Amino acid sequence: QRFYPNHHFEVPRFLSFGSWIGGDRDGHPFVTVDVTN
């Protein structure tokens, strides 16, 4: 708004987050289907 005062912007989603705690089962015997669920 400060640099383009005459233009209206519809800002899309530009942030998203992820994790693999509870999903990373490679060599981790305690990450099971039940744990992922």
Full PDB file with SEQRES, HELIX, SHEET, SSBOND, CRYST1, ORIGX, SCALE, CONECT and MASTER records, all heavy atoms in Angstrom:
SEQRES   1 A   37  GLN ARG PHE TYR PRO ASN HIS HIS PHE GLU VAL PRO ARG          
SEQRES   2 A   37  PHE LEU SER PHE GLY SER TRP ILE GLY GLY ASP ARG ASP          
SEQRES   3 A   37  GLY HIS PRO PHE VAL THR VAL ASP VAL THR ASN                  
HELIX    1 AA1 VAL A   33  THR A   36  1                                   4    
CRYST1    1.000    1.000    1.000  90.00  90.00  90.00 P 1           1          
ORIGX1      1.000000  0.000000  0.000000        0.00000                         
ORIGX2      0.000000  1.000000  0.000000        0.00000                         
ORIGX3      0.000000  0.000000  1.000000        0.00000                         
SCALE1      1.000000  0.000000  0.000000        0.00000                         
SCALE2      0.000000  1.000000  0.000000        0.00000                         
SCALE3      0.000000  0.000000  1.000000        0.00000                         
ATOM      1  N   GLN A   1       0.825  -1.204   0.000  1.00  0.00           N  
ATOM      2  CA  GLN A   1       0.000   0.000   0.000  1.00  0.00           C  
ATOM      3  C   GLN A   1       0.864   1.261   0.000  1.00  0.00           C  
ATOM      4  O   GLN A   1       0.544   2.261  -0.655  1.00  0.00           O  
ATOM      5  CB  GLN A   1      -0.920  -0.002   1.225  1.00  0.00           C  
ATOM      6  CG  GLN A   1      -1.811   1.217   1.375  1.00  0.00           C  
ATOM      7  CD  GLN A   1      -2.802   1.373   0.221  1.00  0.00           C  
ATOM      8  OE1 GLN A   1      -3.255   0.380  -0.335  1.00  0.00           O  
ATOM      9  NE2 GLN A   1      -3.114   2.616  -0.150  1.00  0.00           N  
ATOM     10  N   ARG A   2       1.984   1.194   0.721  1.00  0.00           N  
ATOM     11  CA  ARG A   2       2.857   2.362   0.811  1.00  0.00           C  
ATOM     12  C   ARG A   2       3.540   2.652  -0.520  1.00  0.00           C  
ATOM     13  O   ARG A   2       3.642   3.805  -0.936  1.00  0.00           O  
ATOM     14  CB  ARG A   2       3.900   2.126   1.917  1.00  0.00           C  
ATOM     15  CG  ARG A   2       4.793   3.327   2.187  1.00  0.00           C  
ATOM     16  CD  ARG A   2       5.575   3.182   3.480  1.00  0.00           C  
ATOM     17  NE  ARG A   2       6.584   2.137   3.421  1.00  0.00           N  
ATOM     18  CZ  ARG A   2       6.502   0.968   4.042  1.00  0.00           C  
ATOM     19  NH1 ARG A   2       5.430   0.670   4.764  1.00  0.00           N  
ATOM     20  NH2 ARG A   2       7.473   0.084   3.947  1.00  0.00           N  
ATOM     21  N   PHE A   3       3.999   1.610  -1.193  1.00  0.00           N  
ATOM     22  CA  PHE A   3       4.772   1.817  -2.422  1.00  0.00           C  
ATOM     23  C   PHE A   3       3.906   1.808  -3.687  1.00  0.00           C  
ATOM     24  O   PHE A   3       4.330   2.310  -4.723  1.00  0.00           O  
ATOM     25  CB  PHE A   3       5.873   0.753  -2.524  1.00  0.00           C  
ATOM     26  CG  PHE A   3       6.991   0.968  -1.543  1.00  0.00           C  
ATOM     27  CD1 PHE A   3       7.034   0.245  -0.358  1.00  0.00           C  
ATOM     28  CD2 PHE A   3       7.980   1.915  -1.777  1.00  0.00           C  
ATOM     29  CE1 PHE A   3       8.050   0.445   0.563  1.00  0.00           C  
ATOM     30  CE2 PHE A   3       9.003   2.118  -0.863  1.00  0.00           C  
ATOM     31  CZ  PHE A   3       9.044   1.387   0.308  1.00  0.00           C  
ATOM     32  N   TYR A   4       2.706   1.210  -3.596  1.00  0.00           N  
ATOM     33  CA  TYR A   4       1.791   1.189  -4.750  1.00  0.00           C  
ATOM     34  C   TYR A   4       0.405   1.653  -4.289  1.00  0.00           C  
ATOM     35  O   TYR A   4      -0.542   0.869  -4.259  1.00  0.00           O  
ATOM     36  CB  TYR A   4       1.707  -0.212  -5.351  1.00  0.00           C  
ATOM     37  CG  TYR A   4       3.041  -0.765  -5.802  1.00  0.00           C  
ATOM     38  CD1 TYR A   4       3.789  -1.579  -4.953  1.00  0.00           C  
ATOM     39  CD2 TYR A   4       3.555  -0.472  -7.071  1.00  0.00           C  
ATOM     40  CE1 TYR A   4       5.019  -2.082  -5.354  1.00  0.00           C  
ATOM     41  CE2 TYR A   4       4.787  -0.977  -7.472  1.00  0.00           C  
ATOM     42  CZ  TYR A   4       5.515  -1.782  -6.609  1.00  0.00           C  
ATOM     43  OH  TYR A   4       6.727  -2.277  -7.004  1.00  0.00           O  
ATOM     44  N   PRO A   5       0.282   2.919  -3.899  1.00  0.00           N  
ATOM     45  CA  PRO A   5      -0.960   3.396  -3.273  1.00  0.00           C  
ATOM     46  C   PRO A   5      -2.180   3.343  -4.188  1.00  0.00           C  
ATOM     47  O   PRO A   5      -3.309   3.337  -3.696  1.00  0.00           O  
ATOM     48  CB  PRO A   5      -0.615   4.847  -2.889  1.00  0.00           C  
ATOM     49  CG  PRO A   5       0.507   5.227  -3.805  1.00  0.00           C  
ATOM     50  CD  PRO A   5       1.294   3.980  -4.025  1.00  0.00           C  
ATOM     51  N   ASN A   6      -1.985   3.290  -5.493  1.00  0.00           N  
ATOM     52  CA  ASN A   6      -3.117   3.325  -6.425  1.00  0.00           C  
ATOM     53  C   ASN A   6      -3.519   1.947  -6.934  1.00  0.00           C  
ATOM     54  O   ASN A   6      -4.335   1.829  -7.841  1.00  0.00           O  
ATOM     55  CB  ASN A   6      -2.785   4.230  -7.623  1.00  0.00           C  
ATOM     56  CG  ASN A   6      -2.522   5.663  -7.197  1.00  0.00           C  
ATOM     57  OD1 ASN A   6      -3.234   6.180  -6.333  1.00  0.00           O  
ATOM     58  ND2 ASN A   6      -1.502   6.290  -7.768  1.00  0.00           N  
ATOM     59  N   HIS A   7      -2.922   0.914  -6.359  1.00  0.00           N  
ATOM     60  CA  HIS A   7      -3.220  -0.439  -6.827  1.00  0.00           C  
ATOM     61  C   HIS A   7      -3.713  -1.299  -5.665  1.00  0.00           C  
ATOM     62  O   HIS A   7      -3.168  -1.250  -4.566  1.00  0.00           O  
ATOM     63  CB  HIS A   7      -1.975  -1.081  -7.447  1.00  0.00           C  
ATOM     64  CG  HIS A   7      -2.252  -2.390  -8.118  1.00  0.00           C  
ATOM     65  ND1 HIS A   7      -2.738  -2.472  -9.404  1.00  0.00           N  
ATOM     66  CD2 HIS A   7      -2.142  -3.670  -7.671  1.00  0.00           C  
ATOM     67  CE1 HIS A   7      -2.893  -3.746  -9.726  1.00  0.00           C  
ATOM     68  NE2 HIS A   7      -2.541  -4.491  -8.692  1.00  0.00           N  
ATOM     69  N   HIS A   8      -4.755  -2.085  -5.922  1.00  0.00           N  
ATOM     70  CA  HIS A   8      -5.274  -2.997  -4.905  1.00  0.00           C  
ATOM     71  C   HIS A   8      -4.711  -4.396  -5.144  1.00  0.00           C  
ATOM     72  O   HIS A   8      -4.843  -4.947  -6.232  1.00  0.00           O  
ATOM     73  CB  HIS A   8      -6.800  -3.048  -4.948  1.00  0.00           C  
ATOM     74  CG  HIS A   8      -7.381  -4.093  -4.035  1.00  0.00           C  
ATOM     75  ND1 HIS A   8      -7.369  -3.973  -2.665  1.00  0.00           N  
ATOM     76  CD2 HIS A   8      -7.964  -5.297  -4.315  1.00  0.00           C  
ATOM     77  CE1 HIS A   8      -7.931  -5.054  -2.130  1.00  0.00           C  
ATOM     78  NE2 HIS A   8      -8.294  -5.865  -3.106  1.00  0.00           N  
ATOM     79  N   PHE A   9      -4.073  -4.953  -4.137  1.00  0.00           N  
ATOM     80  CA  PHE A   9      -3.494  -6.292  -4.238  1.00  0.00           C  
ATOM     81  C   PHE A   9      -4.337  -7.293  -3.447  1.00  0.00           C  
ATOM     82  O   PHE A   9      -4.721  -7.021  -2.305  1.00  0.00           O  
ATOM     83  CB  PHE A   9      -2.066  -6.311  -3.665  1.00  0.00           C  
ATOM     84  CG  PHE A   9      -1.056  -5.586  -4.498  1.00  0.00           C  
ATOM     85  CD1 PHE A   9      -0.768  -4.245  -4.255  1.00  0.00           C  
ATOM     86  CD2 PHE A   9      -0.382  -6.225  -5.533  1.00  0.00           C  
ATOM     87  CE1 PHE A   9       0.173  -3.569  -5.017  1.00  0.00           C  
ATOM     88  CE2 PHE A   9       0.553  -5.566  -6.303  1.00  0.00           C  
ATOM     89  CZ  PHE A   9       0.832  -4.230  -6.040  1.00  0.00           C  
ATOM     90  N   GLU A  10      -4.597  -8.447  -4.059  1.00  0.00           N  
ATOM     91  CA  GLU A  10      -5.162  -9.581  -3.335  1.00  0.00           C  
ATOM     92  C   GLU A  10      -3.995 -10.512  -3.000  1.00  0.00           C  
ATOM     93  O   GLU A  10      -3.506 -11.237  -3.856  1.00  0.00           O  
ATOM     94  CB  GLU A  10      -6.207 -10.311  -4.186  1.00  0.00           C  
ATOM     95  CG  GLU A  10      -7.554  -9.625  -4.262  1.00  0.00           C  
ATOM     96  CD  GLU A  10      -8.264  -9.577  -2.916  1.00  0.00           C  
ATOM     97  OE1 GLU A  10      -7.999 -10.458  -2.069  1.00  0.00           O  
ATOM     98  OE2 GLU A  10      -9.069  -8.649  -2.708  1.00  0.00           O  
ATOM     99  N   VAL A  11      -3.538 -10.464  -1.768  1.00  0.00           N  
ATOM    100  CA  VAL A  11      -2.351 -11.232  -1.371  1.00  0.00           C  
ATOM    101  C   VAL A  11      -2.737 -12.697  -1.205  1.00  0.00           C  
ATOM    102  O   VAL A  11      -3.599 -13.033  -0.393  1.00  0.00           O  
ATOM    103  CB  VAL A  11      -1.762 -10.684  -0.054  1.00  0.00           C  
ATOM    104  CG1 VAL A  11      -0.567 -11.536   0.391  1.00  0.00           C  
ATOM    105  CG2 VAL A  11      -1.347  -9.232  -0.238  1.00  0.00           C  
ATOM    106  N   PRO A  12      -2.132 -13.587  -1.967  1.00  0.00           N  
ATOM    107  CA  PRO A  12      -2.449 -15.022  -1.836  1.00  0.00           C  
ATOM    108  C   PRO A  12      -1.748 -15.616  -0.616  1.00  0.00           C  
ATOM    109  O   PRO A  12      -0.969 -14.938   0.067  1.00  0.00           O  
ATOM    110  CB  PRO A  12      -1.876 -15.617  -3.127  1.00  0.00           C  
ATOM    111  CG  PRO A  12      -0.694 -14.755  -3.411  1.00  0.00           C  
ATOM    112  CD  PRO A  12      -1.083 -13.361  -2.968  1.00  0.00           C  
ATOM    113  N   ARG A  13      -2.018 -16.870  -0.352  1.00  0.00           N  
ATOM    114  CA  ARG A  13      -1.307 -17.547   0.728  1.00  0.00           C  
ATOM    115  C   ARG A  13       0.148 -17.738   0.300  1.00  0.00           C  
ATOM    116  O   ARG A  13       0.429 -18.407  -0.683  1.00  0.00           O  
ATOM    117  CB  ARG A  13      -1.934 -18.917   1.023  1.00  0.00           C  
ATOM    118  CG  ARG A  13      -1.233 -19.629   2.186  1.00  0.00           C  
ATOM    119  CD  ARG A  13      -1.909 -20.925   2.550  1.00  0.00           C  
ATOM    120  NE  ARG A  13      -1.576 -21.994   1.619  1.00  0.00           N  
ATOM    121  CZ  ARG A  13      -1.868 -23.278   1.823  1.00  0.00           C  
ATOM    122  NH1 ARG A  13      -2.544 -23.632   2.889  1.00  0.00           N  
ATOM    123  NH2 ARG A  13      -1.533 -24.187   0.939  1.00  0.00           N  
ATOM    124  N   PHE A  14       1.067 -17.148   1.053  1.00  0.00           N  
ATOM    125  CA  PHE A  14       2.470 -17.314   0.710  1.00  0.00           C  
ATOM    126  C   PHE A  14       3.252 -17.984   1.840  1.00  0.00           C  
ATOM    127  O   PHE A  14       4.471 -18.156   1.742  1.00  0.00           O  
ATOM    128  CB  PHE A  14       3.116 -15.967   0.345  1.00  0.00           C  
ATOM    129  CG  PHE A  14       3.121 -14.940   1.454  1.00  0.00           C  
ATOM    130  CD1 PHE A  14       4.144 -14.909   2.389  1.00  0.00           C  
ATOM    131  CD2 PHE A  14       2.121 -13.998   1.549  1.00  0.00           C  
ATOM    132  CE1 PHE A  14       4.163 -13.961   3.399  1.00  0.00           C  
ATOM    133  CE2 PHE A  14       2.122 -13.051   2.550  1.00  0.00           C  
ATOM    134  CZ  PHE A  14       3.145 -13.018   3.487  1.00  0.00           C  
ATOM    135  N   LEU A  15       2.565 -18.360   2.906  1.00  0.00           N  
ATOM    136  CA  LEU A  15       3.200 -19.085   4.003  1.00  0.00           C  
ATOM    137  C   LEU A  15       2.443 -20.385   4.257  1.00  0.00           C  
ATOM    138  O   LEU A  15       1.214 -20.410   4.271  1.00  0.00           O  
ATOM    139  CB  LEU A  15       3.189 -18.247   5.294  1.00  0.00           C  
ATOM    140  CG  LEU A  15       4.119 -17.034   5.356  1.00  0.00           C  
ATOM    141  CD1 LEU A  15       3.836 -16.222   6.609  1.00  0.00           C  
ATOM    142  CD2 LEU A  15       5.575 -17.472   5.331  1.00  0.00           C  
ATOM    143  N   SER A  16       3.179 -21.447   4.438  1.00  0.00           N  
ATOM    144  CA  SER A  16       2.581 -22.720   4.877  1.00  0.00           C  
ATOM    145  C   SER A  16       3.654 -23.474   5.644  1.00  0.00           C  
ATOM    146  O   SER A  16       4.851 -23.230   5.470  1.00  0.00           O  
ATOM    147  CB  SER A  16       2.090 -23.545   3.680  1.00  0.00           C  
ATOM    148  OG  SER A  16       3.169 -23.838   2.810  1.00  0.00           O  
ATOM    149  N   PHE A  17       3.222 -24.376   6.504  1.00  0.00           N  
ATOM    150  CA  PHE A  17       4.155 -25.037   7.402  1.00  0.00           C  
ATOM    151  C   PHE A  17       3.969 -26.545   7.367  1.00  0.00           C  
ATOM    152  O   PHE A  17       2.877 -27.039   7.070  1.00  0.00           O  
ATOM    153  CB  PHE A  17       3.984 -24.500   8.829  1.00  0.00           C  
ATOM    154  CG  PHE A  17       4.196 -23.010   8.919  1.00  0.00           C  
ATOM    155  CD1 PHE A  17       3.131 -22.131   8.803  1.00  0.00           C  
ATOM    156  CD2 PHE A  17       5.469 -22.492   9.061  1.00  0.00           C  
ATOM    157  CE1 PHE A  17       3.322 -20.760   8.845  1.00  0.00           C  
ATOM    158  CE2 PHE A  17       5.676 -21.121   9.104  1.00  0.00           C  
ATOM    159  CZ  PHE A  17       4.605 -20.252   8.998  1.00  0.00           C  
ATOM    160  N   GLY A  18       5.026 -27.236   7.668  1.00  0.00           N  
ATOM    161  CA  GLY A  18       4.976 -28.696   7.657  1.00  0.00           C  
ATOM    162  C   GLY A  18       5.856 -29.279   8.740  1.00  0.00           C  
ATOM    163  O   GLY A  18       6.686 -28.593   9.338  1.00  0.00           O  
ATOM    164  N   SER A  19       5.676 -30.568   8.964  1.00  0.00           N  
ATOM    165  CA  SER A  19       6.468 -31.283   9.963  1.00  0.00           C  
ATOM    166  C   SER A  19       6.558 -32.740   9.544  1.00  0.00           C  
ATOM    167  O   SER A  19       5.724 -33.226   8.774  1.00  0.00           O  
ATOM    168  CB  SER A  19       5.792 -31.182  11.344  1.00  0.00           C  
ATOM    169  OG  SER A  19       6.430 -32.039  12.282  1.00  0.00           O  
ATOM    170  N   TRP A  20       7.584 -33.432  10.016  1.00  0.00           N  
ATOM    171  CA  TRP A  20       7.573 -34.884   9.819  1.00  0.00           C  
ATOM    172  C   TRP A  20       7.721 -35.615  11.149  1.00  0.00           C  
ATOM    173  O   TRP A  20       7.951 -36.801  11.185  1.00  0.00           O  
ATOM    174  CB  TRP A  20       8.571 -35.339   8.769  1.00  0.00           C  
ATOM    175  CG  TRP A  20      10.035 -35.117   9.039  1.00  0.00           C  
ATOM    176  CD1 TRP A  20      10.621 -34.695  10.188  1.00  0.00           C  
ATOM    177  CD2 TRP A  20      11.093 -35.341   8.099  1.00  0.00           C  
ATOM    178  NE1 TRP A  20      11.972 -34.622  10.019  1.00  0.00           N  
ATOM    179  CE2 TRP A  20      12.291 -35.015   8.750  1.00  0.00           C  
ATOM    180  CE3 TRP A  20      11.129 -35.791   6.785  1.00  0.00           C  
ATOM    181  CZ2 TRP A  20      13.526 -35.110   8.130  1.00  0.00           C  
ATOM    182  CZ3 TRP A  20      12.366 -35.887   6.173  1.00  0.00           C  
ATOM    183  CH2 TRP A  20      13.548 -35.552   6.835  1.00  0.00           C  
ATOM    184  N   ILE A  21       7.573 -34.872  12.268  1.00  0.00           N  
ATOM    185  CA  ILE A  21       7.538 -35.524  13.584  1.00  0.00           C  
ATOM    186  C   ILE A  21       6.264 -36.358  13.651  1.00  0.00           C  
ATOM    187  O   ILE A  21       5.159 -35.836  13.508  1.00  0.00           O  
ATOM    188  CB  ILE A  21       7.547 -34.495  14.731  1.00  0.00           C  
ATOM    189  CG1 ILE A  21       8.703 -33.516  14.580  1.00  0.00           C  
ATOM    190  CG2 ILE A  21       7.630 -35.201  16.075  1.00  0.00           C  
ATOM    191  CD1 ILE A  21       8.665 -32.369  15.588  1.00  0.00           C  
ATOM    192  N   GLY A  22       6.399 -37.636  13.857  1.00  0.00           N  
ATOM    193  CA  GLY A  22       5.234 -38.525  13.871  1.00  0.00           C  
ATOM    194  C   GLY A  22       4.951 -39.142  12.516  1.00  0.00           C  
ATOM    195  O   GLY A  22       4.083 -40.005  12.392  1.00  0.00           O  
ATOM    196  N   GLY A  23       5.667 -38.700  11.480  1.00  0.00           N  
ATOM    197  CA  GLY A  23       5.479 -39.263  10.149  1.00  0.00           C  
ATOM    198  C   GLY A  23       6.732 -39.893   9.582  1.00  0.00           C  
ATOM    199  O   GLY A  23       6.672 -40.667   8.636  1.00  0.00           O  
ATOM    200  N   ASP A  24       7.873 -39.562  10.170  1.00  0.00           N  
ATOM    201  CA  ASP A  24       9.156 -40.060   9.668  1.00  0.00           C  
ATOM    202  C   ASP A  24       9.461 -41.407  10.301  1.00  0.00           C  
ATOM    203  O   ASP A  24       9.917 -41.488  11.427  1.00  0.00           O  
ATOM    204  CB  ASP A  24      10.254 -39.045   9.994  1.00  0.00           C  
ATOM    205  CG  ASP A  24      11.613 -39.475   9.467  1.00  0.00           C  
ATOM    206  OD1 ASP A  24      11.637 -40.399   8.633  1.00  0.00           O  
ATOM    207  OD2 ASP A  24      12.624 -38.893   9.885  1.00  0.00           O  
ATOM    208  N   ARG A  25       9.183 -42.479   9.543  1.00  0.00           N  
ATOM    209  CA  ARG A  25       9.356 -43.816  10.101  1.00  0.00           C  
ATOM    210  C   ARG A  25      10.603 -44.507   9.574  1.00  0.00           C  
ATOM    211  O   ARG A  25      10.827 -45.683   9.827  1.00  0.00           O  
ATOM    212  CB  ARG A  25       8.136 -44.691   9.821  1.00  0.00           C  
ATOM    213  CG  ARG A  25       7.914 -44.934   8.363  1.00  0.00           C  
ATOM    214  CD  ARG A  25       6.525 -44.564   7.893  1.00  0.00           C  
ATOM    215  NE  ARG A  25       5.452 -45.043   8.719  1.00  0.00           N  
ATOM    216  CZ  ARG A  25       4.605 -44.251   9.349  1.00  0.00           C  
ATOM    217  NH1 ARG A  25       4.718 -42.946   9.216  1.00  0.00           N  
ATOM    218  NH2 ARG A  25       3.641 -44.736  10.087  1.00  0.00           N  
ATOM    219  N   ASP A  26      11.451 -43.821   8.816  1.00  0.00           N  
ATOM    220  CA  ASP A  26      12.641 -44.444   8.251  1.00  0.00           C  
ATOM    221  C   ASP A  26      13.636 -44.768   9.369  1.00  0.00           C  
ATOM    222  O   ASP A  26      14.317 -43.886   9.894  1.00  0.00           O  
ATOM    223  CB  ASP A  26      13.285 -43.499   7.228  1.00  0.00           C  
ATOM    224  CG  ASP A  26      14.532 -44.091   6.606  1.00  0.00           C  
ATOM    225  OD1 ASP A  26      14.692 -45.322   6.660  1.00  0.00           O  
ATOM    226  OD2 ASP A  26      15.349 -43.331   6.072  1.00  0.00           O  
ATOM    227  N   GLY A  27      13.712 -46.036   9.743  1.00  0.00           N  
ATOM    228  CA  GLY A  27      14.624 -46.450  10.790  1.00  0.00           C  
ATOM    229  C   GLY A  27      14.155 -46.102  12.192  1.00  0.00           C  
ATOM    230  O   GLY A  27      14.905 -46.234  13.155  1.00  0.00           O  
ATOM    231  N   HIS A  28      12.919 -45.635  12.332  1.00  0.00           N  
ATOM    232  CA  HIS A  28      12.378 -45.263  13.646  1.00  0.00           C  
ATOM    233  C   HIS A  28      11.270 -46.249  14.001  1.00  0.00           C  
ATOM    234  O   HIS A  28      10.131 -46.100  13.547  1.00  0.00           O  
ATOM    235  CB  HIS A  28      11.826 -43.838  13.595  1.00  0.00           C  
ATOM    236  CG  HIS A  28      11.625 -43.212  14.948  1.00  0.00           C  
ATOM    237  ND1 HIS A  28      11.156 -43.912  16.038  1.00  0.00           N  
ATOM    238  CD2 HIS A  28      11.847 -41.946  15.385  1.00  0.00           C  
ATOM    239  CE1 HIS A  28      11.079 -43.107  17.069  1.00  0.00           C  
ATOM    240  NE2 HIS A  28      11.493 -41.908  16.707  1.00  0.00           N  
ATOM    241  N   PRO A  29      11.559 -47.268  14.803  1.00  0.00           N  
ATOM    242  CA  PRO A  29      10.574 -48.323  15.068  1.00  0.00           C  
ATOM    243  C   PRO A  29       9.353 -47.864  15.856  1.00  0.00           C  
ATOM    244  O   PRO A  29       8.329 -48.550  15.874  1.00  0.00           O  
ATOM    245  CB  PRO A  29      11.381 -49.359  15.866  1.00  0.00           C  
ATOM    246  CG  PRO A  29      12.473 -48.563  16.519  1.00  0.00           C  
ATOM    247  CD  PRO A  29      12.823 -47.485  15.537  1.00  0.00           C  
ATOM    248  N   PHE A  30       9.443 -46.694  16.505  1.00  0.00           N  
ATOM    249  CA  PHE A  30       8.325 -46.242  17.340  1.00  0.00           C  
ATOM    250  C   PHE A  30       7.331 -45.371  16.573  1.00  0.00           C  
ATOM    251  O   PHE A  30       6.312 -44.976  17.125  1.00  0.00           O  
ATOM    252  CB  PHE A  30       8.860 -45.486  18.569  1.00  0.00           C  
ATOM    253  CG  PHE A  30       9.768 -46.326  19.424  1.00  0.00           C  
ATOM    254  CD1 PHE A  30      11.116 -46.043  19.527  1.00  0.00           C  
ATOM    255  CD2 PHE A  30       9.272 -47.425  20.111  1.00  0.00           C  
ATOM    256  CE1 PHE A  30      11.954 -46.816  20.296  1.00  0.00           C  
ATOM    257  CE2 PHE A  30      10.101 -48.210  20.892  1.00  0.00           C  
ATOM    258  CZ  PHE A  30      11.453 -47.907  20.988  1.00  0.00           C  
ATOM    259  N   VAL A  31       7.637 -45.040  15.322  1.00  0.00           N  
ATOM    260  CA  VAL A  31       6.670 -44.310  14.490  1.00  0.00           C  
ATOM    261  C   VAL A  31       5.847 -45.351  13.742  1.00  0.00           C  
ATOM    262  O   VAL A  31       6.278 -45.937  12.761  1.00  0.00           O  
ATOM    263  CB  VAL A  31       7.376 -43.353  13.503  1.00  0.00           C  
ATOM    264  CG1 VAL A  31       6.341 -42.640  12.634  1.00  0.00           C  
ATOM    265  CG2 VAL A  31       8.213 -42.337  14.256  1.00  0.00           C  
ATOM    266  N   THR A  32       4.647 -45.580  14.238  1.00  0.00           N  
ATOM    267  CA  THR A  32       3.745 -46.592  13.684  1.00  0.00           C  
ATOM    268  C   THR A  32       2.552 -45.906  13.019  1.00  0.00           C  
ATOM    269  O   THR A  32       2.411 -44.677  13.078  1.00  0.00           O  
ATOM    270  CB  THR A  32       3.242 -47.516  14.798  1.00  0.00           C  
ATOM    271  OG1 THR A  32       2.488 -46.720  15.743  1.00  0.00           O  
ATOM    272  CG2 THR A  32       4.406 -48.199  15.521  1.00  0.00           C  
ATOM    273  N   VAL A  33       1.682 -46.712  12.421  1.00  0.00           N  
ATOM    274  CA  VAL A  33       0.459 -46.175  11.817  1.00  0.00           C  
ATOM    275  C   VAL A  33      -0.378 -45.465  12.877  1.00  0.00           C  
ATOM    276  O   VAL A  33      -0.917 -44.374  12.636  1.00  0.00           O  
ATOM    277  CB  VAL A  33      -0.355 -47.306  11.157  1.00  0.00           C  
ATOM    278  CG1 VAL A  33      -1.719 -46.789  10.716  1.00  0.00           C  
ATOM    279  CG2 VAL A  33       0.387 -47.858   9.951  1.00  0.00           C  
ATOM    280  N   ASP A  34      -0.473 -46.060  14.057  1.00  0.00           N  
ATOM    281  CA  ASP A  34      -1.262 -45.455  15.125  1.00  0.00           C  
ATOM    282  C   ASP A  34      -0.669 -44.112  15.554  1.00  0.00           C  
ATOM    283  O   ASP A  34      -1.402 -43.145  15.788  1.00  0.00           O  
ATOM    284  CB  ASP A  34      -1.333 -46.408  16.324  1.00  0.00           C  
ATOM    285  CG  ASP A  34      -2.225 -45.859  17.439  1.00  0.00           C  
ATOM    286  OD1 ASP A  34      -3.398 -45.553  17.162  1.00  0.00           O  
ATOM    287  OD2 ASP A  34      -1.731 -45.720  18.580  1.00  0.00           O  
ATOM    288  N   VAL A  35       0.653 -44.034  15.638  1.00  0.00           N  
ATOM    289  CA  VAL A  35       1.318 -42.776  16.012  1.00  0.00           C  
ATOM    290  C   VAL A  35       1.069 -41.709  14.953  1.00  0.00           C  
ATOM    291  O   VAL A  35       0.779 -40.547  15.270  1.00  0.00           O  
ATOM    292  CB  VAL A  35       2.826 -43.011  16.233  1.00  0.00           C  
ATOM    293  CG1 VAL A  35       3.587 -41.691  16.228  1.00  0.00           C  
ATOM    294  CG2 VAL A  35       3.072 -43.740  17.537  1.00  0.00           C  
ATOM    295  N   THR A  36       1.168 -42.072  13.681  1.00  0.00           N  
ATOM    296  CA  THR A  36       0.911 -41.107  12.604  1.00  0.00           C  
ATOM    297  C   THR A  36      -0.532 -40.629  12.638  1.00  0.00           C  
ATOM    298  O   THR A  36      -0.821 -39.440  12.440  1.00  0.00           O  
ATOM    299  CB  THR A  36       1.240 -41.733  11.235  1.00  0.00           C  
ATOM    300  OG1 THR A  36       2.620 -42.114  11.217  1.00  0.00           O  
ATOM    301  CG2 THR A  36       0.985 -40.757  10.100  1.00  0.00           C  
ATOM    302  N   ASN A  37      -1.459 -41.548  12.905  1.00  0.00           N  
ATOM    303  CA  ASN A  37      -2.867 -41.167  13.024  1.00  0.00           C  
ATOM    304  C   ASN A  37      -3.070 -40.210  14.193  1.00  0.00           C  
ATOM    305  O   ASN A  37      -3.772 -39.200  14.071  1.00  0.00           O  
ATOM    306  CB  ASN A  37      -3.730 -42.422  13.203  1.00  0.00           C  
ATOM    307  CG  ASN A  37      -5.213 -42.113  13.097  1.00  0.00           C  
ATOM    308  OD1 ASN A  37      -5.622 -41.188  12.395  1.00  0.00           O  
ATOM    309  ND2 ASN A  37      -6.022 -42.869  13.802  1.00  0.00           N  
TER     310      ASN A  37                                                      
MASTER        0    0    0    1    0    0    0    6  309    1    0    3          
END                                                                             
